[in-house]
Amino acid sequence: MKKALLPIFIMFFSTAFGKTPSSGWLQKARKGYVYFKPFVKLKAGNNRMVIFVTSNGKIYKGRCRTKNAYPKCIVTPGKKFDSPYNEIRYIILKISNPLPPEIKKTGIIENSIIKE
């Protein structure tokens, strides 16, 4: 019973204090066309890469793109999606040459939508 209530309390407190999600969907509109992009929020740094994997096996990559010296950045793939209801998994990699990439975190993109 306690394990079932834990996610509810976490969601309540994160929305109550205005915490933005670490993953979700960006809703964008260009020339009358509305599209969605999955995003993952990371600490800024050049040594991180995110791999997005769709439910039908297609793979897209994204890197941290910051224009200013902010402590966080939003990583999105180049692909535009018509609907935010696709199940997309992400893998966060730490790149450190000459060693192989190290998996830092994996997860599923949340269904929260942020209008941009």
C-alpha atoms as a PDB file:
ATOM      1  CA  MET A   1       0.000   0.000   0.000  1.00  0.00           C
ATOM      2  CA  LYS A   2       2.796   2.424   0.896  1.00  0.00           C
ATOM      3  CA  LYS A   3       4.631   1.665  -2.355  1.00  0.00           C
ATOM      4  CA  ALA A   4       1.494   2.519  -4.342  1.00  0.00           C
ATOM      5  CA  LEU A   5       1.104   5.913  -2.659  1.00  0.00           C
ATOM      6  CA  LEU A   6       4.716   7.014  -3.111  1.00  0.00           C
ATOM      7  CA  PRO A   7       4.414   7.970  -6.827  1.00  0.00           C
ATOM      8  CA  ILE A   8       1.233   9.914  -6.102  1.00  0.00           C
ATOM      9  CA  PHE A   9       2.963  11.967  -3.392  1.00  0.00           C
ATOM     10  CA  ILE A  10       5.969  12.616  -5.629  1.00  0.00           C
ATOM     11  CA  MET A  11       3.756  13.839  -8.482  1.00  0.00           C
ATOM     12  CA  PHE A  12       1.731  16.035  -6.104  1.00  0.00           C
ATOM     13  CA  PHE A  13       4.735  17.704  -4.491  1.00  0.00           C
ATOM     14  CA  SER A  14       6.568  18.208  -7.796  1.00  0.00           C
ATOM     15  CA  THR A  15       3.542  19.978  -9.322  1.00  0.00           C
ATOM     16  CA  ALA A  16       2.769  21.884  -6.126  1.00  0.00           C
ATOM     17  CA  PHE A  17       6.219  23.463  -5.944  1.00  0.00           C
ATOM     18  CA  GLY A  18       6.455  24.204  -9.676  1.00  0.00           C
ATOM     19  CA  LYS A  19       9.220  21.751 -10.462  1.00  0.00           C
ATOM     20  CA  THR A  20       9.559  21.223 -14.185  1.00  0.00           C
ATOM     21  CA  PRO A  21       9.847  17.625 -15.363  1.00  0.00           C
ATOM     22  CA  SER A  22      13.202  16.171 -16.352  1.00  0.00           C
ATOM     23  CA  SER A  23      11.612  14.757 -19.516  1.00  0.00           C
ATOM     24  CA  GLY A  24       8.481  15.439 -21.545  1.00  0.00           C
ATOM     25  CA  TRP A  25       7.258  16.893 -24.830  1.00  0.00           C
ATOM     26  CA  LEU A  26       7.768  20.345 -26.348  1.00  0.00           C
ATOM     27  CA  GLN A  27       4.841  21.588 -28.433  1.00  0.00           C
ATOM     28  CA  LYS A  28       5.974  23.876 -31.236  1.00  0.00           C
ATOM     29  CA  ALA A  29       4.137  25.617 -34.063  1.00  0.00           C
ATOM     30  CA  ARG A  30       5.655  26.835 -37.329  1.00  0.00           C
ATOM     31  CA  LYS A  31       3.641  28.273 -40.235  1.00  0.00           C
ATOM     32  CA  GLY A  32       0.388  26.757 -38.953  1.00  0.00           C
ATOM     33  CA  TYR A  33       1.890  23.305 -38.434  1.00  0.00           C
ATOM     34  CA  VAL A  34       1.889  21.986 -34.861  1.00  0.00           C
ATOM     35  CA  TYR A  35       4.472  19.336 -33.980  1.00  0.00           C
ATOM     36  CA  PHE A  36       6.012  17.801 -30.878  1.00  0.00           C
ATOM     37  CA  LYS A  37       9.576  16.996 -29.838  1.00  0.00           C
ATOM     38  CA  PRO A  38      10.590  14.840 -26.883  1.00  0.00           C
ATOM     39  CA  PHE A  39      13.075  16.450 -24.512  1.00  0.00           C
ATOM     40  CA  VAL A  40      15.324  15.517 -21.623  1.00  0.00           C
ATOM     41  CA  LYS A  41      16.643  18.161 -19.221  1.00  0.00           C
ATOM     42  CA  LEU A  42      20.322  17.737 -18.250  1.00  0.00           C
ATOM     43  CA  LYS A  43      23.092  19.614 -16.536  1.00  0.00           C
ATOM     44  CA  ALA A  44      25.019  21.599 -19.129  1.00  0.00           C
ATOM     45  CA  GLY A  45      28.201  20.000 -20.382  1.00  0.00           C
ATOM     46  CA  ASN A  46      29.804  18.844 -23.596  1.00  0.00           C
ATOM     47  CA  ASN A  47      30.334  15.264 -22.475  1.00  0.00           C
ATOM     48  CA  ARG A  48      26.659  14.125 -22.481  1.00  0.00           C
ATOM     49  CA  MET A  49      24.626  12.618 -25.303  1.00  0.00           C
ATOM     50  CA  VAL A  50      21.028  11.361 -25.302  1.00  0.00           C
ATOM     51  CA  ILE A  51      19.758   8.564 -27.535  1.00  0.00           C
ATOM     52  CA  PHE A  52      16.003   8.485 -28.218  1.00  0.00           C
ATOM     53  CA  VAL A  53      14.516   5.090 -29.209  1.00  0.00           C
ATOM     54  CA  THR A  54      10.973   4.879 -30.628  1.00  0.00           C
ATOM     55  CA  SER A  55       8.625   1.938 -30.118  1.00  0.00           C
ATOM     56  CA  ASN A  56       9.217   0.728 -33.701  1.00  0.00           C
ATOM     57  CA  GLY A  57      13.019   0.684 -33.274  1.00  0.00           C
ATOM     58  CA  LYS A  58      14.121   3.969 -34.870  1.00  0.00           C
ATOM     59  CA  ILE A  59      16.999   5.722 -33.129  1.00  0.00           C
ATOM     60  CA  TYR A  60      17.641   9.474 -32.911  1.00  0.00           C
ATOM     61  CA  LYS A  61      20.390  11.287 -31.037  1.00  0.00           C
ATOM     62  CA  GLY A  62      20.553  14.654 -29.373  1.00  0.00           C
ATOM     63  CA  ARG A  63      23.236  16.742 -27.721  1.00  0.00           C
ATOM     64  CA  CYS A  64      23.150  19.563 -25.237  1.00  0.00           C
ATOM     65  CA  ARG A  65      22.801  22.813 -27.139  1.00  0.00           C
ATOM     66  CA  THR A  66      23.204  25.925 -24.995  1.00  0.00           C
ATOM     67  CA  LYS A  67      23.518  29.490 -26.217  1.00  0.00           C
ATOM     68  CA  ASN A  68      24.155  30.964 -22.773  1.00  0.00           C
ATOM     69  CA  ALA A  69      25.996  29.747 -19.699  1.00  0.00           C
ATOM     70  CA  TYR A  70      22.944  28.198 -18.001  1.00  0.00           C
ATOM     71  CA  PRO A  71      23.479  25.341 -15.542  1.00  0.00           C
ATOM     72  CA  LYS A  72      20.892  23.168 -17.388  1.00  0.00           C
ATOM     73  CA  CYS A  73      20.103  22.446 -21.013  1.00  0.00           C
ATOM     74  CA  ILE A  74      17.280  20.760 -22.913  1.00  0.00           C
ATOM     75  CA  VAL A  75      18.200  17.956 -25.315  1.00  0.00           C
ATOM     76  CA  THR A  76      15.858  17.215 -28.240  1.00  0.00           C
ATOM     77  CA  PRO A  77      16.269  15.027 -31.333  1.00  0.00           C
ATOM     78  CA  GLY A  78      16.029  16.423 -34.855  1.00  0.00           C
ATOM     79  CA  LYS A  79      12.857  14.431 -35.578  1.00  0.00           C
ATOM     80  CA  LYS A  80       9.450  16.133 -35.393  1.00  0.00           C
ATOM     81  CA  PHE A  81       6.536  14.011 -34.171  1.00  0.00           C
ATOM     82  CA  ASP A  82       2.851  14.562 -34.994  1.00  0.00           C
ATOM     83  CA  SER A  83       1.602  13.253 -31.650  1.00  0.00           C
ATOM     84  CA  PRO A  84       2.997  13.249 -28.092  1.00  0.00           C
ATOM     85  CA  TYR A  85       1.462   9.833 -27.442  1.00  0.00           C
ATOM     86  CA  ASN A  86       4.382   7.841 -28.854  1.00  0.00           C
ATOM     87  CA  GLU A  87       6.297   5.737 -26.366  1.00  0.00           C
ATOM     88  CA  ILE A  88       9.896   6.875 -26.578  1.00  0.00           C
ATOM     89  CA  ARG A  89      12.727   5.647 -24.384  1.00  0.00           C
ATOM     90  CA  TYR A  90      15.875   7.638 -23.734  1.00  0.00           C
ATOM     91  CA  ILE A  91      19.416   6.687 -22.781  1.00  0.00           C
ATOM     92  CA  ILE A  92      21.796   9.283 -21.339  1.00  0.00           C
ATOM     93  CA  LEU A  93      25.432   8.582 -22.148  1.00  0.00           C
ATOM     94  CA  LYS A  94      28.576  10.122 -20.699  1.00  0.00           C
ATOM     95  CA  ILE A  95      31.242  10.469 -23.379  1.00  0.00           C
ATOM     96  CA  SER A  96      34.838  10.336 -22.170  1.00  0.00           C
ATOM     97  CA  ASN A  97      37.470   9.659 -24.816  1.00  0.00           C
ATOM     98  CA  PRO A  98      39.300   7.232 -25.238  1.00  0.00           C
ATOM     99  CA  LEU A  99      37.054   5.146 -22.943  1.00  0.00           C
ATOM    100  CA  PRO A 100      33.759   3.720 -24.228  1.00  0.00           C
ATOM    101  CA  PRO A 101      30.532   5.637 -23.449  1.00  0.00           C
ATOM    102  CA  GLU A 102      29.052   5.061 -20.012  1.00  0.00           C
ATOM    103  CA  ILE A 103      25.271   4.748 -19.487  1.00  0.00           C
ATOM    104  CA  LYS A 104      24.177   7.256 -16.846  1.00  0.00           C
ATOM    105  CA  LYS A 105      20.381   6.963 -16.898  1.00  0.00           C
ATOM    106  CA  THR A 106      17.558   5.393 -18.903  1.00  0.00           C
ATOM    107  CA  GLY A 107      13.846   6.056 -18.862  1.00  0.00           C
ATOM    108  CA  ILE A 108      10.647   6.715 -20.766  1.00  0.00           C
ATOM    109  CA  ILE A 109       9.612  10.202 -21.913  1.00  0.00           C
ATOM    110  CA  GLU A 110       6.814  11.478 -19.665  1.00  0.00           C
ATOM    111  CA  ASN A 111       3.483  12.604 -21.114  1.00  0.00           C
ATOM    112  CA  SER A 112       3.754  16.198 -19.832  1.00  0.00           C
ATOM    113  CA  ILE A 113       3.493  18.802 -22.614  1.00  0.00           C
ATOM    114  CA  ILE A 114       5.172  22.213 -22.499  1.00  0.00           C
ATOM    115  CA  LYS A 115       4.064  24.817 -25.054  1.00  0.00           C
ATOM    116  CA  GLU A 116       6.882  26.819 -26.549  1.00  0.00           C
END
